[in-house]
Protein backbone atom coordinates (compact mmCIF):
# COMPACT_ATOMS: atom_id res chain seq x y z
CA ARG A 1 3.54 47.70 -13.88
CA LEU A 2 6.63 45.57 -13.34
CA MET A 3 6.37 45.99 -9.57
CA GLN A 4 2.67 45.12 -9.69
CA ARG A 5 3.45 41.97 -11.63
CA ILE A 6 6.17 40.99 -9.15
CA ASN A 7 3.83 41.64 -6.24
CA LYS A 8 1.15 39.53 -7.89
CA ASN A 9 3.61 36.68 -8.31
CA VAL A 10 4.65 36.88 -4.66
CA VAL A 11 1.03 36.97 -3.50
CA LEU A 12 0.20 34.06 -5.79
CA ALA A 13 3.07 32.00 -4.38
CA LEU A 14 2.11 32.78 -0.80
CA LEU A 15 -1.56 32.02 -1.42
CA THR A 16 -0.62 28.76 -3.08
CA LEU A 17 1.55 27.79 -0.12
CA THR A 18 -1.10 28.74 2.44
CA SER A 19 -3.90 26.95 0.61
CA SER A 20 -1.68 23.90 0.19
CA VAL A 21 -1.02 23.77 3.93
CA PHE A 22 -4.67 24.20 4.87
CA LEU A 23 -6.11 21.70 2.43
CA LEU A 24 -3.55 19.14 3.57
CA PHE A 25 -3.83 18.14 0.57
CA GLN A 26 -6.48 15.81 -0.73
CA LEU A 27 -4.37 12.83 0.17
CA TYR A 28 -5.96 12.20 3.53
CA TYR A 29 -4.20 8.88 4.01
CA TYR A 30 -0.73 10.36 4.41
CA LYS A 31 -0.25 10.50 8.14
CA TYR A 32 3.15 9.64 9.50
CA TYR A 33 3.91 9.08 13.16
CA LEU A 34 7.18 10.55 14.31
CA SER A 35 9.99 8.22 15.08
CA PRO A 36 12.10 8.96 18.15
CA LYS A 37 14.90 10.06 15.87
CA ASN A 38 12.73 12.48 13.95
CA GLY A 39 11.13 13.69 17.15
CA ALA A 40 14.54 14.75 18.43
CA VAL A 41 15.17 16.71 15.26
CA PHE A 42 11.80 18.43 15.48
CA SER A 43 12.37 19.56 19.04
CA LYS A 44 15.50 21.37 17.93
CA VAL A 45 14.31 23.00 14.74
CA LYS A 46 10.68 23.82 15.50
CA GLY A 47 10.35 27.58 15.54
CA SER A 48 14.09 28.07 15.43
CA GLN A 49 14.01 29.94 12.13
CA SER A 50 11.86 33.05 12.23
CA GLY A 51 10.50 34.84 9.21
CA GLN A 52 10.62 33.55 5.66
CA ASP A 53 14.28 33.86 4.82
CA GLY A 54 15.34 30.19 4.90
CA ILE A 55 16.65 28.53 1.74
CA GLN A 56 14.08 25.77 1.97
CA TRP A 57 11.23 28.25 2.25
CA HIS A 58 12.32 30.10 -0.89
CA VAL A 59 12.79 26.88 -2.87
CA ILE A 60 9.36 25.58 -1.87
CA LYS A 61 7.75 28.96 -2.55
CA LYS A 62 9.30 29.05 -6.01
CA PHE A 63 8.22 25.51 -6.77
CA LEU A 64 4.61 26.14 -5.69
CA GLY A 65 4.54 29.31 -7.74
CA LEU A 66 5.83 27.33 -10.72
CA VAL A 67 3.20 24.59 -10.58
CA SER A 68 0.43 27.06 -9.78
CA SER A 69 1.23 29.18 -12.81
CA HIS A 70 0.94 26.05 -14.97
CA ASN A 71 -2.27 24.85 -13.27
CA VAL A 72 -0.62 21.68 -12.00
CA PRO A 73 -2.14 20.61 -8.64
CA VAL A 74 0.37 19.07 -6.26
CA TYR A 75 -0.19 17.63 -2.78
CA LEU A 76 2.07 17.74 0.23
CA ILE A 77 3.01 14.21 1.34
CA ASP A 78 6.24 14.98 3.15
CA PRO A 79 6.14 12.98 6.42
CA LEU A 80 8.38 15.39 8.33
CA VAL A 81 6.29 18.45 7.47
CA LEU A 82 2.98 16.67 8.02
CA GLY A 83 4.26 15.41 11.36
CA LEU A 84 4.99 18.97 12.48
CA ILE A 85 1.64 20.23 11.21
CA GLN A 86 -0.17 17.46 13.03
CA LYS A 87 1.47 18.45 16.32
CA ASP A 88 0.27 22.05 15.92
CA TYR A 89 -3.08 21.20 14.36
CA GLU A 90 -5.25 22.69 17.12
CA GLN A 91 -3.30 25.92 17.05
CA LEU A 92 -3.57 26.13 13.26
CA ARG A 93 -7.29 25.45 13.32
CA SER A 94 -7.97 28.07 15.96
CA SER A 95 -5.85 30.82 14.43
CA SER A 96 -7.68 33.46 12.44
CA ASP A 97 -5.71 33.18 9.22
CA GLY A 98 -3.63 30.03 9.73
CA THR A 99 -0.34 31.92 9.51
CA SER A 100 2.53 31.93 11.95
CA PRO A 101 5.25 34.53 12.52
CA GLU A 102 7.77 31.69 12.51
CA CYS A 103 8.66 29.29 9.71
CA LYS A 104 7.78 26.20 11.74
CA PHE A 105 6.84 23.67 9.09
CA PHE A 106 8.74 24.12 5.86
CA CYS A 107 11.93 25.27 7.56
CA ALA A 108 12.54 22.01 9.45
CA ALA A 109 16.00 20.84 8.43
CA ARG A 110 15.92 18.23 5.64
CA ASP A 111 17.31 17.63 2.16
CA PHE A 112 13.97 17.20 0.38
CA THR A 113 10.36 18.32 0.51
CA THR A 114 8.04 15.75 -1.01
CA PHE A 115 4.91 16.44 -3.04
CA ALA A 116 2.57 14.18 -5.00
CA LEU A 117 1.02 14.60 -8.42
CA LEU A 118 -1.89 12.64 -9.89
CA ASP A 119 -0.90 11.79 -13.44
CA LYS A 120 -4.34 12.41 -14.95
CA THR A 121 -4.40 16.01 -13.71
CA TRP A 122 -1.72 17.31 -16.04
CA LYS A 123 -0.46 16.88 -19.60
CA HIS A 124 3.32 16.61 -19.15
CA GLU A 125 3.72 20.05 -20.69
CA VAL A 126 7.26 20.92 -21.71
CA SER A 127 6.61 24.54 -20.79
CA LEU A 128 6.66 23.71 -17.09
CA PHE A 129 10.20 22.37 -17.29
CA ARG A 130 11.37 25.30 -19.40
CA ALA A 131 9.94 27.69 -16.85
CA ALA A 132 11.62 25.70 -14.07
CA GLU A 133 14.99 26.11 -15.76
CA LYS A 134 14.44 29.85 -16.13
CA MET A 135 13.75 30.03 -12.38
CA GLY A 136 17.09 28.32 -11.71
CA PHE A 137 15.85 24.79 -11.08
CA GLN A 138 17.75 21.76 -12.26
CA TRP A 139 15.38 18.87 -12.81
CA LEU A 140 15.53 15.15 -13.34
CA LYS A 141 12.90 12.72 -14.61
CA ILE A 142 12.91 9.04 -13.60
CA GLN A 143 10.91 6.70 -15.84
CA ASN A 144 10.13 3.02 -15.92
CA ARG A 145 7.70 0.60 -17.51
CA ASP A 146 3.98 0.97 -16.95
CA PRO A 147 2.86 -2.21 -15.11
CA ARG A 148 -0.79 -1.47 -15.96
CA LEU A 149 -0.05 -2.47 -19.54
CA GLU A 150 1.73 -5.68 -18.63
CA GLY A 151 0.05 -9.04 -18.55
CA MET A 152 0.53 -12.60 -19.58
CA ASP A 153 -0.17 -11.66 -23.20
CA ASP A 154 2.07 -8.62 -23.33
CA LEU A 155 5.19 -7.98 -21.25
CA SER A 156 6.46 -5.00 -23.25
CA GLY A 157 4.82 -2.01 -21.56
CA ILE A 158 5.88 1.58 -22.17
CA ASP A 159 7.95 3.94 -20.07
CA ILE A 160 6.04 6.40 -17.92
CA PRO A 161 7.33 9.15 -15.57
CA LEU A 162 7.40 7.97 -11.95
CA HIS A 163 9.44 10.60 -10.12
CA TYR A 164 10.71 14.14 -10.72
CA ILE A 165 13.45 15.91 -8.78
CA PHE A 166 13.63 19.72 -8.88
CA LYS A 167 16.85 21.03 -7.32
CA LEU A 168 17.65 24.62 -6.43
CA ALA A 169 20.52 25.75 -4.23
CA ALA A 170 20.86 23.30 -1.31
CA HIS A 171 17.29 21.99 -1.34
CA ALA A 172 15.34 19.71 -3.67
CA ILE A 173 11.69 18.98 -4.36
CA HIS A 174 10.75 15.34 -4.84
CA LEU A 175 7.59 15.06 -6.94
CA VAL A 176 6.05 11.57 -6.82
CA VAL A 177 3.68 10.70 -9.68
CA PHE A 178 0.61 8.66 -8.75
CA TYR A 179 -1.45 6.60 -11.20
CA GLU A 180 -4.92 5.11 -10.90
CA ARG A 181 -5.15 1.31 -10.97
CA ASN A 182 -8.03 -1.05 -11.73
CA GLY A 183 -8.56 -2.00 -8.11
CA ASN A 184 -9.85 1.53 -7.33
CA TYR A 185 -6.64 2.77 -5.76
CA VAL A 186 -3.63 4.88 -6.69
CA TRP A 187 -0.08 3.61 -7.14
CA HIS A 188 3.40 5.03 -7.43
CA GLY A 189 6.38 3.19 -8.86
CA PRO A 190 9.80 2.56 -7.36
CA LEU A 191 12.67 4.91 -8.02
CA ARG A 192 15.19 2.91 -10.04
CA LEU A 193 18.20 4.80 -11.37
CA LYS A 194 19.28 3.81 -14.86
CA GLN A 195 22.90 3.88 -15.94
CA ASN A 196 22.71 7.27 -17.64
CA ILE A 197 21.41 9.07 -14.50
CA ASP A 198 23.77 11.11 -12.35
CA ARG A 199 23.71 9.38 -8.97
CA LYS A 200 25.23 12.45 -7.33
CA PHE A 201 22.41 14.73 -8.46
CA VAL A 202 20.83 14.48 -4.99
CA PRO A 203 21.24 12.08 -2.02
CA PHE A 204 18.68 9.61 -3.40
CA ARG A 205 18.90 7.29 -0.41
CA LYS A 206 17.36 9.96 1.82
CA LEU A 207 14.14 10.11 -0.20
CA HIS A 208 10.98 9.20 1.71
CA PHE A 209 9.24 7.65 -1.31
CA GLY A 210 10.55 5.43 -4.08
CA HIS A 211 12.51 2.73 -2.25
CA TYR A 212 9.56 0.51 -3.14
CA ALA A 213 6.41 0.85 -5.16
CA GLY A 214 3.44 1.95 -3.06
CA ALA A 215 -0.36 1.65 -3.13
CA TYR A 216 -2.93 3.86 -1.40
CA ASN A 217 -6.67 4.33 -1.29
CA LYS A 218 -7.92 6.98 -3.67
CA PRO A 219 -7.57 10.49 -2.20
CA GLU A 220 -10.51 12.54 -1.01
CA VAL A 221 -10.72 16.32 -1.04
CA LEU A 222 -10.90 17.34 2.60
CA GLN A 223 -10.51 20.87 3.91
CA LEU A 224 -8.39 21.31 7.03
CA SER A 225 -8.90 17.76 8.26
CA ILE A 226 -5.67 16.55 9.81
CA ASP A 227 -7.65 14.39 12.21
CA ASP A 228 -8.93 12.45 9.20
CA LEU A 229 -5.45 11.69 7.92
CA LYS A 230 -4.90 7.94 7.92
CA GLU A 231 -1.54 6.23 8.20
CA MET A 232 -0.74 3.62 5.59
CA SER A 233 1.81 1.76 7.66
CA HIS A 234 2.31 -0.79 4.90
CA SER A 235 2.13 0.98 1.55
CA ARG A 236 4.81 -1.08 -0.21
CA PHE A 237 3.50 -2.58 -3.43
CA SER A 238 4.43 -5.85 -5.17
CA GLU A 239 3.49 -6.50 -8.79
CA CYS A 240 2.23 -9.83 -9.97
CA ARG A 241 5.05 -11.76 -11.66
CA TYR A 242 3.62 -11.95 -15.18
CA ARG A 243 6.83 -13.18 -16.79
CA GLU A 244 7.11 -16.12 -14.39
CA ALA A 245 3.38 -16.81 -14.72
CA ARG A 246 3.70 -17.04 -18.49
CA ALA A 247 6.59 -19.50 -18.08
CA PHE A 248 4.46 -21.54 -15.67
CA PHE A 249 1.61 -21.83 -18.16
CA GLN A 250 4.00 -22.89 -20.89
CA LEU A 251 4.89 -25.89 -18.74
CA TYR A 252 1.42 -26.44 -17.31
CA PRO A 253 -1.28 -25.17 -19.71
CA ASP A 254 -4.09 -23.31 -18.01
CA ASP A 255 -7.41 -25.05 -17.44
CA ALA A 256 -9.88 -23.31 -19.73
CA SER A 257 -12.78 -25.71 -19.10
CA LEU A 258 -16.22 -24.37 -18.26
CA ASP A 259 -15.91 -25.65 -14.68
CA ALA A 260 -12.61 -23.81 -14.20
CA VAL A 261 -13.99 -20.58 -15.65
CA GLU A 262 -17.07 -20.79 -13.43
CA PHE A 263 -15.03 -21.51 -10.31
CA ARG A 264 -12.70 -18.57 -10.92
CA LYS A 265 -15.68 -16.31 -11.48
CA LYS A 266 -17.29 -17.38 -8.19
CA ALA A 267 -14.00 -17.27 -6.27
CA LYS A 268 -13.30 -13.75 -7.56
CA ALA A 269 -16.76 -12.58 -6.45
CA LEU A 270 -16.27 -14.23 -3.06
CA LEU A 271 -12.87 -12.58 -2.60
CA HIS A 272 -14.31 -9.17 -3.48
CA LEU A 273 -17.17 -9.66 -1.01
CA ALA A 274 -14.78 -10.82 1.73
CA ALA A 275 -12.49 -7.83 1.13
CA LEU A 276 -15.42 -5.42 1.27
CA THR A 277 -16.70 -6.98 4.51
CA LEU A 278 -13.31 -7.01 6.27
CA ASN A 279 -12.37 -3.54 5.04
CA ASN A 280 -15.65 -2.14 6.36
CA LEU A 281 -14.77 -3.63 9.75
CA GLY A 282 -11.23 -2.25 9.61
CA VAL A 283 -9.75 -5.76 9.77
CA ARG A 284 -6.40 -6.14 8.02
CA PHE A 285 -6.04 -9.35 6.00
CA TRP A 286 -3.88 -10.92 3.29
CA LEU A 287 -3.99 -13.64 0.66
CA SER A 288 -2.92 -16.91 2.26
CA SER A 289 -2.39 -20.59 1.41
CA GLY A 290 -3.61 -21.59 -2.06
CA THR A 291 -4.91 -18.13 -2.93
CA CYS A 292 -1.49 -16.62 -2.21
CA LEU A 293 0.19 -19.39 -4.19
CA GLY A 294 -2.09 -18.69 -7.15
CA TRP A 295 -1.19 -15.01 -7.11
CA TYR A 296 2.54 -15.62 -6.78
CA ARG A 297 2.87 -18.55 -9.18
CA GLN A 298 0.36 -17.87 -11.93
CA CYS A 299 -1.22 -14.44 -11.32
CA ASN A 300 -4.63 -16.08 -11.09
CA ILE A 301 -6.88 -18.19 -8.92
CA ILE A 302 -5.93 -21.88 -8.94
CA PRO A 303 -8.96 -23.53 -10.59
CA TYR A 304 -8.79 -26.78 -8.62
CA SER A 305 -8.32 -25.15 -5.19
CA LYS A 306 -12.08 -25.02 -4.45
CA ASP A 307 -11.80 -22.26 -1.85
CA VAL A 308 -10.52 -18.76 -1.06
CA ASP A 309 -7.93 -18.46 1.73
CA LEU A 310 -7.24 -15.33 3.79
CA GLY A 311 -4.98 -14.65 6.76
CA VAL A 312 -5.65 -12.29 9.69
CA PHE A 313 -3.45 -11.53 12.69
CA ILE A 314 -5.18 -12.60 15.90
CA GLN A 315 -4.79 -9.12 17.39
CA ASP A 316 -6.99 -7.82 14.55
CA TYR A 317 -9.84 -10.20 15.40
CA LYS A 318 -13.21 -8.56 16.02
CA SER A 319 -16.36 -10.16 17.34
CA ASP A 320 -18.28 -8.44 14.53
CA ILE A 321 -16.63 -10.60 11.85
CA ILE A 322 -19.06 -13.53 11.98
CA PRO A 323 -22.25 -11.39 12.06
CA ALA A 324 -20.89 -9.20 9.25
CA PHE A 325 -20.27 -12.18 6.95
CA GLN A 326 -23.63 -13.69 7.80
CA LYS A 327 -25.28 -10.36 6.96
CA ALA A 328 -23.37 -10.40 3.66
CA GLY A 329 -25.01 -13.73 2.84
CA LEU A 330 -22.19 -16.07 3.82
CA PRO A 331 -23.32 -18.58 6.48
CA LEU A 332 -20.74 -19.87 8.94
CA LYS A 333 -19.70 -23.42 8.13
CA HIS A 334 -17.40 -24.14 11.03
CA ILE A 335 -15.25 -22.47 13.68
CA GLU A 336 -12.18 -23.90 15.41
CA ASP A 337 -10.25 -23.02 18.51
CA SER A 338 -7.04 -21.66 17.09
CA LEU A 339 -8.89 -19.76 15.27
CA GLU A 340 -10.22 -20.66 11.81
CA LEU A 341 -13.50 -19.41 10.40
CA SER A 342 -15.04 -21.08 7.38
CA PHE A 343 -17.92 -19.51 5.46
CA GLN A 344 -19.96 -21.09 2.70
CA GLY A 345 -20.03 -19.14 -0.54
CA GLU A 346 -21.95 -19.79 -3.72
CA ASP A 347 -22.33 -23.51 -4.53
CA ASP A 348 -19.29 -25.36 -3.15
CA VAL A 349 -16.88 -22.40 -3.04
CA LYS A 350 -15.70 -21.85 0.52
CA LEU A 351 -14.03 -18.91 2.28
CA ASP A 352 -11.46 -19.85 4.92
CA ILE A 353 -10.09 -17.19 7.27
CA PHE A 354 -7.02 -18.31 9.23
CA PHE A 355 -5.89 -16.38 12.29
CA PHE A 356 -2.14 -16.09 12.83
CA TYR A 357 -0.22 -15.87 16.09
CA GLU A 358 3.25 -14.38 16.56
CA ASP A 359 5.95 -16.04 18.65
CA ASP A 360 9.51 -14.88 19.22
CA ASP A 361 10.99 -16.25 16.00
CA HIS A 362 8.04 -17.34 13.86
CA ILE A 363 4.34 -16.88 13.07
CA TRP A 364 1.85 -19.74 13.11
CA ASN A 365 -1.76 -20.68 12.55
CA GLY A 366 -3.60 -23.80 13.63
CA GLY A 367 -6.24 -26.27 12.55
CA THR A 368 -8.35 -28.97 14.19
CA GLN A 369 -9.84 -32.09 12.62
CA ALA A 370 -13.52 -32.07 13.60
CA LYS A 371 -14.05 -35.85 13.61
CA SER A 372 -10.97 -36.71 15.71
CA GLY A 373 -10.09 -33.62 17.75
CA LYS A 374 -6.51 -33.74 16.44
CA LYS A 375 -4.72 -30.39 16.44
CA PHE A 376 -2.20 -29.19 13.86
CA LYS A 377 0.12 -26.22 13.74
CA TYR A 378 1.59 -24.48 10.66
CA LEU A 379 4.80 -22.49 11.14
CA PHE A 380 5.86 -19.54 8.95
CA PRO A 381 8.92 -17.29 9.08
CA LYS A 382 8.05 -13.77 10.20
CA PHE A 383 6.78 -11.53 7.43
CA THR A 384 5.48 -8.07 6.68
CA LEU A 385 2.59 -7.08 4.41
CA CYS A 386 2.66 -5.50 0.96
CA TRP A 387 -0.12 -4.36 -1.33
CA THR A 388 -0.74 -6.00 -4.68
CA GLU A 389 -3.46 -6.10 -7.32
CA PHE A 390 -5.20 -9.45 -7.77
CA VAL A 391 -8.36 -10.14 -9.81
CA GLU A 392 -8.98 -6.37 -10.01
CA LEU A 393 -8.69 -5.93 -6.25
CA LYS A 394 -6.12 -4.17 -4.07
CA VAL A 395 -5.17 -6.67 -1.36
CA HIS A 396 -2.31 -7.50 0.96
CA VAL A 397 0.16 -10.33 0.45
CA PRO A 398 3.25 -11.24 2.49
CA CYS A 399 6.13 -9.08 1.24
CA GLU A 400 8.44 -12.05 1.74
CA THR A 401 6.20 -14.13 -0.50
CA LEU A 402 8.75 -16.71 -1.58
CA ARG A 403 9.61 -17.62 2.03
CA TYR A 404 5.91 -17.74 2.88
CA VAL A 405 5.06 -20.00 -0.06
CA GLU A 406 8.07 -22.27 0.46
CA ALA A 407 7.17 -22.71 4.13
CA ASN A 408 3.69 -23.89 3.15
CA TYR A 409 4.40 -25.78 -0.08
CA GLY A 410 8.11 -26.63 -0.01
CA LYS A 411 10.80 -26.10 -2.63
CA ASP A 412 8.63 -27.73 -5.33
CA TRP A 413 5.84 -25.13 -5.05
CA LYS A 414 6.07 -24.46 -8.80
CA VAL A 415 4.72 -27.94 -9.57
CA PRO A 416 0.90 -28.17 -9.39
CA VAL A 417 -0.44 -30.65 -6.82
CA LYS A 418 -4.13 -31.40 -7.26
CA VAL A 419 -4.47 -33.89 -4.40
CA TRP A 420 -3.86 -32.04 -1.14
CA ASP A 421 -4.35 -33.15 2.46
CA TRP A 422 -4.29 -30.17 4.82
CA LYS A 423 -3.19 -32.44 7.70
CA SER A 424 -0.11 -33.92 6.05
CA SER A 425 0.71 -32.23 2.71
CA PRO A 426 1.97 -28.81 3.93
CA SER A 427 5.73 -28.64 4.49
CA ASN A 428 5.27 -26.64 7.68
CA VAL A 429 2.62 -28.76 9.44
CA GLN A 430 3.24 -30.06 12.96
CA TYR A 431 1.06 -32.37 15.04
CA ASN A 432 -0.04 -30.35 18.06
CA GLY A 433 -1.87 -32.78 20.31
CA MET A 434 -5.52 -33.69 20.63
CA TRP A 435 -8.53 -32.13 22.31
CA PRO A 436 -10.24 -34.23 25.00
CA VAL A 437 -13.62 -35.49 23.82
CA ASP A 438 -15.47 -33.64 26.59
CA GLU A 439 -14.13 -30.31 25.24
CA TRP A 440 -15.06 -30.82 21.59
CA ASP A 441 -18.34 -28.93 21.86
CA ASP A 442 -16.45 -25.85 23.07
CA VAL A 443 -13.54 -25.84 20.62
CA ILE A 444 -15.10 -27.31 17.45
CA GLN A 445 -18.39 -25.99 16.14
CA VAL A 446 -19.80 -27.24 12.85
CA TYR A 447 -22.85 -25.53 11.35
């Protein structure tokens, strides 16, 4: 009976591992392209360890057996392993049982193997950790405040588990906990070590996840669908600065008038519609100008801004954008050469989409005055994109938000300015010449 039980446990662990590999693992968005450095490592280790006798293999097998016995579903998100699996995808798909005589995937040399866990799928049972200890694992839990509970009215929050480390022998399992957010996406928090945590427990700096918070589309359950894996090249997440927003409103009380409430309601609906339209086209965008300032300064739409501002890199431009917005019920108001698209939303709420160009040391967008043909250029320091949550929507913002906002609004960006001239007020505006009158019809179109 004892041998039968042991055999059952071994079979269970192997089945769990095999099914985990072939489901690839409900988080279809985790696709990582190999860097040259990683590619060199793969070429050396791929297939170099035959059989199932590597330390890493045994640690992973034990961990999967542990979570399986406690009905805790975990998902492989390790970029090194997924990169190897992707390279051999056709061979895996064509094989009869998906197995290989060599330990190609989980035996690639590394310090960690990374899995994900959706928080709502388990109950934080103490029995799992007790069982882990009996199996020889040392484990560590990293907690921090739950940002979903924070807001202008309450900054307290409660601590929630964000990361677990399970260490056995010379290998460790990094378990990243994902949480659902209001914007219909999942989020994981950063890994911040508190003073009482042993910093020598594992080489934390080598972890693939946790250097920053991250946001991803909700996972889908897909069976053997590596081709459907989607890279999230910019998954870093930035929280709204509720503490600073509260301080701002103490100095400048929020406008609670009916007009302000109505404008914010319409602007929110317009932003949601714009995001849906651009996302359906696969066009990457971010909050720009006054909309970005509102998010960064006061965690809300600026009630006197009168429009919604988005940025798009010119290389992401698609000819389908204008027809798609017109089909969504937003008529084109004007189009300019450099390129700016303006769509008319409900009543007098306008959607402006600015296209950005990259030069050697800066990024810029342009504007043209329709009645004079004068051209203007707005310079920004180079930036990358992060995810955030704004008015119940997952959207991009510049990661280097302060530099972005200061470029546009100057050092006094914290002070509200209700009278704004787009041709002279921005700190980063430059006069960029004038279009000849005979070219106006081609470069300026007003509808």
